[in-house]
Amino acid sequence: MIKIKLVGQKLSGNLYITEKGTYIMDTNFSKSKDTSRMSLHTLSWNNPDGEPNKALKSDKFVVVDEF
């Protein structure tokens, strides 16, 4: 499982970061830590202000409060 942590919210969705520093966007704006309710995407240029890009399989991720 890949750990992700919520770091903010943008116009396109909730912004998460992985332990390796990759930014991921939940375009469903899910308030739950249940990743099956999320629509996770990479961000263009791995930039927090980038556009949602490639869709990811949410079952590979787990939301944590701290790394």
PDB file of N, CA and C in Angstrom:
ATOM      1  N   MET A   1       0.835  -1.187   0.000  1.00  0.00           N
ATOM      2  CA  MET A   1       0.000   0.000   0.000  1.00  0.00           C
ATOM      3  C   MET A   1       0.881   1.253   0.000  1.00  0.00           C
ATOM      4  N   ILE A   2       0.432   2.226  -0.734  1.00  0.00           N
ATOM      5  CA  ILE A   2       1.129   3.504  -0.805  1.00  0.00           C
ATOM      6  C   ILE A   2       0.434   4.478   0.142  1.00  0.00           C
ATOM      7  N   LYS A   3       1.199   5.026   1.070  1.00  0.00           N
ATOM      8  CA  LYS A   3       0.645   5.965   2.053  1.00  0.00           C
ATOM      9  C   LYS A   3       0.545   7.358   1.442  1.00  0.00           C
ATOM     10  N   ILE A   4      -0.628   7.991   1.636  1.00  0.00           N
ATOM     11  CA  ILE A   4      -0.822   9.365   1.187  1.00  0.00           C
ATOM     12  C   ILE A   4      -1.360  10.201   2.348  1.00  0.00           C
ATOM     13  N   LYS A   5      -0.970  11.463   2.354  1.00  0.00           N
ATOM     14  CA  LYS A   5      -1.370  12.386   3.427  1.00  0.00           C
ATOM     15  C   LYS A   5      -2.031  13.615   2.805  1.00  0.00           C
ATOM     16  N   LEU A   6      -3.168  14.030   3.370  1.00  0.00           N
ATOM     17  CA  LEU A   6      -3.870  15.219   2.910  1.00  0.00           C
ATOM     18  C   LEU A   6      -3.038  16.454   3.249  1.00  0.00           C
ATOM     19  N   VAL A   7      -2.814  17.306   2.242  1.00  0.00           N
ATOM     20  CA  VAL A   7      -2.024  18.517   2.469  1.00  0.00           C
ATOM     21  C   VAL A   7      -2.778  19.787   2.095  1.00  0.00           C
ATOM     22  N   GLY A   8      -3.978  19.659   1.538  1.00  0.00           N
ATOM     23  CA  GLY A   8      -4.740  20.853   1.199  1.00  0.00           C
ATOM     24  C   GLY A   8      -5.873  20.572   0.246  1.00  0.00           C
ATOM     25  N   GLN A   9      -6.499  21.650  -0.197  1.00  0.00           N
ATOM     26  CA  GLN A   9      -7.595  21.545  -1.139  1.00  0.00           C
ATOM     27  C   GLN A   9      -7.422  22.602  -2.218  1.00  0.00           C
ATOM     28  N   LYS A  10      -7.620  22.198  -3.442  1.00  0.00           N
ATOM     29  CA  LYS A  10      -7.513  23.096  -4.592  1.00  0.00           C
ATOM     30  C   LYS A  10      -8.860  23.141  -5.301  1.00  0.00           C
ATOM     31  N   LEU A  11      -8.979  23.924  -6.338  1.00  0.00           N
ATOM     32  CA  LEU A  11     -10.223  24.013  -7.095  1.00  0.00           C
ATOM     33  C   LEU A  11     -10.619  22.680  -7.720  1.00  0.00           C
ATOM     34  N   SER A  12      -9.631  21.849  -8.056  1.00  0.00           N
ATOM     35  CA  SER A  12      -9.910  20.577  -8.727  1.00  0.00           C
ATOM     36  C   SER A  12     -10.158  19.421  -7.770  1.00  0.00           C
ATOM     37  N   GLY A  13      -9.797  19.570  -6.495  1.00  0.00           N
ATOM     38  CA  GLY A  13     -10.008  18.475  -5.549  1.00  0.00           C
ATOM     39  C   GLY A  13      -9.100  18.561  -4.341  1.00  0.00           C
ATOM     40  N   ASN A  14      -9.152  17.512  -3.523  1.00  0.00           N
ATOM     41  CA  ASN A  14      -8.297  17.414  -2.341  1.00  0.00           C
ATOM     42  C   ASN A  14      -6.890  17.018  -2.767  1.00  0.00           C
ATOM     43  N   LEU A  15      -5.895  17.671  -2.200  1.00  0.00           N
ATOM     44  CA  LEU A  15      -4.502  17.448  -2.569  1.00  0.00           C
ATOM     45  C   LEU A  15      -3.817  16.563  -1.536  1.00  0.00           C
ATOM     46  N   TYR A  16      -3.214  15.487  -2.010  1.00  0.00           N
ATOM     47  CA  TYR A  16      -2.475  14.544  -1.171  1.00  0.00           C
ATOM     48  C   TYR A  16      -1.034  14.480  -1.646  1.00  0.00           C
ATOM     49  N   ILE A  17      -0.158  13.991  -0.760  1.00  0.00           N
ATOM     50  CA  ILE A  17       1.236  13.760  -1.128  1.00  0.00           C
ATOM     51  C   ILE A  17       1.631  12.377  -0.628  1.00  0.00           C
ATOM     52  N   THR A  18       2.467  11.685  -1.398  1.00  0.00           N
ATOM     53  CA  THR A  18       2.978  10.379  -0.988  1.00  0.00           C
ATOM     54  C   THR A  18       4.258  10.566  -0.189  1.00  0.00           C
ATOM     55  N   GLU A  19       4.731   9.482   0.408  1.00  0.00           N
ATOM     56  CA  GLU A  19       5.999   9.533   1.155  1.00  0.00           C
ATOM     57  C   GLU A  19       7.163   9.934   0.259  1.00  0.00           C
ATOM     58  N   LYS A  20       7.065   9.626  -1.040  1.00  0.00           N
ATOM     59  CA  LYS A  20       8.147   9.941  -1.979  1.00  0.00           C
ATOM     60  C   LYS A  20       8.025  11.338  -2.576  1.00  0.00           C
ATOM     61  N   GLY A  21       6.971  12.085  -2.185  1.00  0.00           N
ATOM     62  CA  GLY A  21       6.837  13.454  -2.657  1.00  0.00           C
ATOM     63  C   GLY A  21       6.007  13.629  -3.911  1.00  0.00           C
ATOM     64  N   THR A  22       5.260  12.610  -4.307  1.00  0.00           N
ATOM     65  CA  THR A  22       4.396  12.711  -5.479  1.00  0.00           C
ATOM     66  C   THR A  22       3.049  13.286  -5.065  1.00  0.00           C
ATOM     67  N   TYR A  23       2.602  14.296  -5.792  1.00  0.00           N
ATOM     68  CA  TYR A  23       1.294  14.889  -5.506  1.00  0.00           C
ATOM     69  C   TYR A  23       0.195  14.103  -6.213  1.00  0.00           C
ATOM     70  N   ILE A  24      -0.928  13.922  -5.503  1.00  0.00           N
ATOM     71  CA  ILE A  24      -2.088  13.197  -6.016  1.00  0.00           C
ATOM     72  C   ILE A  24      -3.329  14.009  -5.682  1.00  0.00           C
ATOM     73  N   MET A  25      -4.290  14.033  -6.599  1.00  0.00           N
ATOM     74  CA  MET A  25      -5.524  14.796  -6.417  1.00  0.00           C
ATOM     75  C   MET A  25      -6.719  13.845  -6.367  1.00  0.00           C
ATOM     76  N   ASP A  26      -7.601  14.078  -5.368  1.00  0.00           N
ATOM     77  CA  ASP A  26      -8.884  13.373  -5.310  1.00  0.00           C
ATOM     78  C   ASP A  26      -9.928  14.317  -5.876  1.00  0.00           C
ATOM     79  N   THR A  27     -10.379  14.037  -7.095  1.00  0.00           N
ATOM     80  CA  THR A  27     -11.321  14.935  -7.762  1.00  0.00           C
ATOM     81  C   THR A  27     -12.757  14.753  -7.269  1.00  0.00           C
ATOM     82  N   ASN A  28     -12.992  13.801  -6.363  1.00  0.00           N
ATOM     83  CA  ASN A  28     -14.318  13.625  -5.768  1.00  0.00           C
ATOM     84  C   ASN A  28     -14.499  14.474  -4.509  1.00  0.00           C
ATOM     85  N   PHE A  29     -13.440  15.140  -4.053  1.00  0.00           N
ATOM     86  CA  PHE A  29     -13.481  15.939  -2.820  1.00  0.00           C
ATOM     87  C   PHE A  29     -13.992  15.100  -1.643  1.00  0.00           C
ATOM     88  N   SER A  30     -13.603  13.829  -1.581  1.00  0.00           N
ATOM     89  CA  SER A  30     -14.083  12.926  -0.528  1.00  0.00           C
ATOM     90  C   SER A  30     -13.624  13.405   0.846  1.00  0.00           C
ATOM     91  N   LYS A  31     -14.547  13.399   1.804  1.00  0.00           N
ATOM     92  CA  LYS A  31     -14.203  13.766   3.178  1.00  0.00           C
ATOM     93  C   LYS A  31     -13.799  12.535   3.985  1.00  0.00           C
ATOM     94  N   SER A  32     -13.941  11.356   3.393  1.00  0.00           N
ATOM     95  CA  SER A  32     -13.636  10.090   4.040  1.00  0.00           C
ATOM     96  C   SER A  32     -12.187   9.690   3.767  1.00  0.00           C
ATOM     97  N   LYS A  33     -11.617   8.900   4.666  1.00  0.00           N
ATOM     98  CA  LYS A  33     -10.287   8.336   4.419  1.00  0.00           C
ATOM     99  C   LYS A  33     -10.379   7.045   3.616  1.00  0.00           C
ATOM    100  N   ASP A  34     -11.586   6.656   3.246  1.00  0.00           N
ATOM    101  CA  ASP A  34     -11.824   5.454   2.450  1.00  0.00           C
ATOM    102  C   ASP A  34     -11.484   5.754   0.994  1.00  0.00           C
ATOM    103  N   THR A  35     -10.367   5.221   0.514  1.00  0.00           N
ATOM    104  CA  THR A  35      -9.908   5.546  -0.840  1.00  0.00           C
ATOM    105  C   THR A  35     -10.836   4.993  -1.924  1.00  0.00           C
ATOM    106  N   SER A  36     -11.699   4.027  -1.596  1.00  0.00           N
ATOM    107  CA  SER A  36     -12.628   3.511  -2.602  1.00  0.00           C
ATOM    108  C   SER A  36     -13.662   4.568  -2.998  1.00  0.00           C
ATOM    109  N   ARG A  37     -13.814   5.610  -2.194  1.00  0.00           N
ATOM    110  CA  ARG A  37     -14.737   6.705  -2.491  1.00  0.00           C
ATOM    111  C   ARG A  37     -14.045   7.843  -3.238  1.00  0.00           C
ATOM    112  N   MET A  38     -12.759   7.702  -3.450  1.00  0.00           N
ATOM    113  CA  MET A  38     -11.970   8.750  -4.087  1.00  0.00           C
ATOM    114  C   MET A  38     -11.768   8.475  -5.572  1.00  0.00           C
ATOM    115  N   SER A  39     -11.520   9.534  -6.298  1.00  0.00           N
ATOM    116  CA  SER A  39     -11.117   9.441  -7.694  1.00  0.00           C
ATOM    117  C   SER A  39      -9.729  10.083  -7.764  1.00  0.00           C
ATOM    118  N   LEU A  40      -8.702   9.252  -7.590  1.00  0.00           N
ATOM    119  CA  LEU A  40      -7.329   9.741  -7.473  1.00  0.00           C
ATOM    120  C   LEU A  40      -6.672   9.891  -8.843  1.00  0.00           C
ATOM    121  N   HIS A  41      -5.940  10.979  -8.989  1.00  0.00           N
ATOM    122  CA  HIS A  41      -5.235  11.277 -10.240  1.00  0.00           C
ATOM    123  C   HIS A  41      -3.851  11.838  -9.932  1.00  0.00           C
ATOM    124  N   THR A  42      -2.905  11.574 -10.831  1.00  0.00           N
ATOM    125  CA  THR A  42      -1.623  12.263 -10.758  1.00  0.00           C
ATOM    126  C   THR A  42      -1.866  13.703 -11.193  1.00  0.00           C
ATOM    127  N   LEU A  43      -0.889  14.556 -10.968  1.00  0.00           N
ATOM    128  CA  LEU A  43      -0.988  15.956 -11.394  1.00  0.00           C
ATOM    129  C   LEU A  43       0.071  16.248 -12.441  1.00  0.00           C
ATOM    130  N   SER A  44      -0.297  17.051 -13.432  1.00  0.00           N
ATOM    131  CA  SER A  44       0.656  17.380 -14.473  1.00  0.00           C
ATOM    132  C   SER A  44       1.900  18.022 -13.876  1.00  0.00           C
ATOM    133  N   TRP A  45       3.048  17.555 -14.316  1.00  0.00           N
ATOM    134  CA  TRP A  45       4.365  18.038 -13.875  1.00  0.00           C
ATOM    135  C   TRP A  45       4.609  17.829 -12.381  1.00  0.00           C
ATOM    136  N   ASN A  46       3.791  16.960 -11.714  1.00  0.00           N
ATOM    137  CA  ASN A  46       3.897  16.728 -10.264  1.00  0.00           C
ATOM    138  C   ASN A  46       3.913  18.058  -9.517  1.00  0.00           C
ATOM    139  N   ASN A  47       3.060  18.955  -9.961  1.00  0.00           N
ATOM    140  CA  ASN A  47       2.959  20.296  -9.397  1.00  0.00           C
ATOM    141  C   ASN A  47       1.628  20.405  -8.657  1.00  0.00           C
ATOM    142  N   PRO A  48       1.618  20.887  -7.400  1.00  0.00           N
ATOM    143  CA  PRO A  48       0.361  21.017  -6.662  1.00  0.00           C
ATOM    144  C   PRO A  48      -0.681  21.869  -7.384  1.00  0.00           C
ATOM    145  N   ASP A  49      -0.245  22.761  -8.255  1.00  0.00           N
ATOM    146  CA  ASP A  49      -1.172  23.587  -9.021  1.00  0.00           C
ATOM    147  C   ASP A  49      -1.460  23.009 -10.396  1.00  0.00           C
ATOM    148  N   GLY A  50      -0.948  21.805 -10.668  1.00  0.00           N
ATOM    149  CA  GLY A  50      -1.150  21.178 -11.971  1.00  0.00           C
ATOM    150  C   GLY A  50      -2.561  20.631 -12.139  1.00  0.00           C
ATOM    151  N   GLU A  51      -2.890  20.296 -13.369  1.00  0.00           N
ATOM    152  CA  GLU A  51      -4.197  19.734 -13.693  1.00  0.00           C
ATOM    153  C   GLU A  51      -4.208  18.239 -13.395  1.00  0.00           C
ATOM    154  N   PRO A  52      -5.361  17.702 -12.931  1.00  0.00           N
ATOM    155  CA  PRO A  52      -5.464  16.246 -12.767  1.00  0.00           C
ATOM    156  C   PRO A  52      -5.131  15.573 -14.090  1.00  0.00           C
ATOM    157  N   ASN A  53      -4.355  14.501 -14.010  1.00  0.00           N
ATOM    158  CA  ASN A  53      -3.824  13.874 -15.208  1.00  0.00           C
ATOM    159  C   ASN A  53      -4.282  12.423 -15.278  1.00  0.00           C
ATOM    160  N   LYS A  54      -3.402  11.497 -15.026  1.00  0.00           N
ATOM    161  CA  LYS A  54      -3.676  10.062 -15.149  1.00  0.00           C
ATOM    162  C   LYS A  54      -4.461   9.543 -13.939  1.00  0.00           C
ATOM    163  N   ALA A  55      -5.537   8.795 -14.211  1.00  0.00           N
ATOM    164  CA  ALA A  55      -6.329   8.181 -13.135  1.00  0.00           C
ATOM    165  C   ALA A  55      -5.535   7.045 -12.496  1.00  0.00           C
ATOM    166  N   LEU A  56      -5.673   6.904 -11.178  1.00  0.00           N
ATOM    167  CA  LEU A  56      -4.964   5.876 -10.418  1.00  0.00           C
ATOM    168  C   LEU A  56      -5.964   4.909  -9.792  1.00  0.00           C
ATOM    169  N   LYS A  57      -5.517   3.687  -9.517  1.00  0.00           N
ATOM    170  CA  LYS A  57      -6.359   2.713  -8.831  1.00  0.00           C
ATOM    171  C   LYS A  57      -6.343   3.021  -7.343  1.00  0.00           C
ATOM    172  N   SER A  58      -7.476   3.426  -6.807  1.00  0.00           N
ATOM    173  CA  SER A  58      -7.535   3.886  -5.425  1.00  0.00           C
ATOM    174  C   SER A  58      -7.261   2.793  -4.406  1.00  0.00           C
ATOM    175  N   ASP A  59      -7.419   1.514  -4.789  1.00  0.00           N
ATOM    176  CA  ASP A  59      -7.198   0.427  -3.822  1.00  0.00           C
ATOM    177  C   ASP A  59      -5.718   0.222  -3.500  1.00  0.00           C
ATOM    178  N   LYS A  60      -4.824   0.929  -4.169  1.00  0.00           N
ATOM    179  CA  LYS A  60      -3.388   0.820  -3.901  1.00  0.00           C
ATOM    180  C   LYS A  60      -2.910   1.843  -2.877  1.00  0.00           C
ATOM    181  N   PHE A  61      -3.833   2.687  -2.372  1.00  0.00           N
ATOM    182  CA  PHE A  61      -3.469   3.785  -1.490  1.00  0.00           C
ATOM    183  C   PHE A  61      -4.173   3.677  -0.145  1.00  0.00           C
ATOM    184  N   VAL A  62      -3.533   4.236   0.874  1.00  0.00           N
ATOM    185  CA  VAL A  62      -4.124   4.328   2.210  1.00  0.00           C
ATOM    186  C   VAL A  62      -3.825   5.735   2.745  1.00  0.00           C
ATOM    187  N   VAL A  63      -4.855   6.377   3.307  1.00  0.00           N
ATOM    188  CA  VAL A  63      -4.691   7.728   3.845  1.00  0.00           C
ATOM    189  C   VAL A  63      -4.180   7.637   5.283  1.00  0.00           C
ATOM    190  N   VAL A  64      -3.123   8.396   5.568  1.00  0.00           N
ATOM    191  CA  VAL A  64      -2.544   8.449   6.916  1.00  0.00           C
ATOM    192  C   VAL A  64      -2.491   9.909   7.367  1.00  0.00           C
ATOM    193  N   ASP A  65      -2.381  10.102   8.684  1.00  0.00           N
ATOM    194  CA  ASP A  65      -2.231  11.460   9.225  1.00  0.00           C
ATOM    195  C   ASP A  65      -0.786  11.918   9.205  1.00  0.00           C
ATOM    196  N   GLU A  66       0.137  10.987   9.399  1.00  0.00           N
ATOM    197  CA  GLU A  66       1.583  11.282   9.412  1.00  0.00           C
ATOM    198  C   GLU A  66       2.333  10.131   8.751  1.00  0.00           C
ATOM    199  N   PHE A  67       3.514  10.439   8.178  1.00  0.00           N
ATOM    200  CA  PHE A  67       4.374   9.401   7.597  1.00  0.00           C
ATOM    201  C   PHE A  67       5.307   8.887   8.662  1.00  0.00           C
TER     202      PHE A  67
END
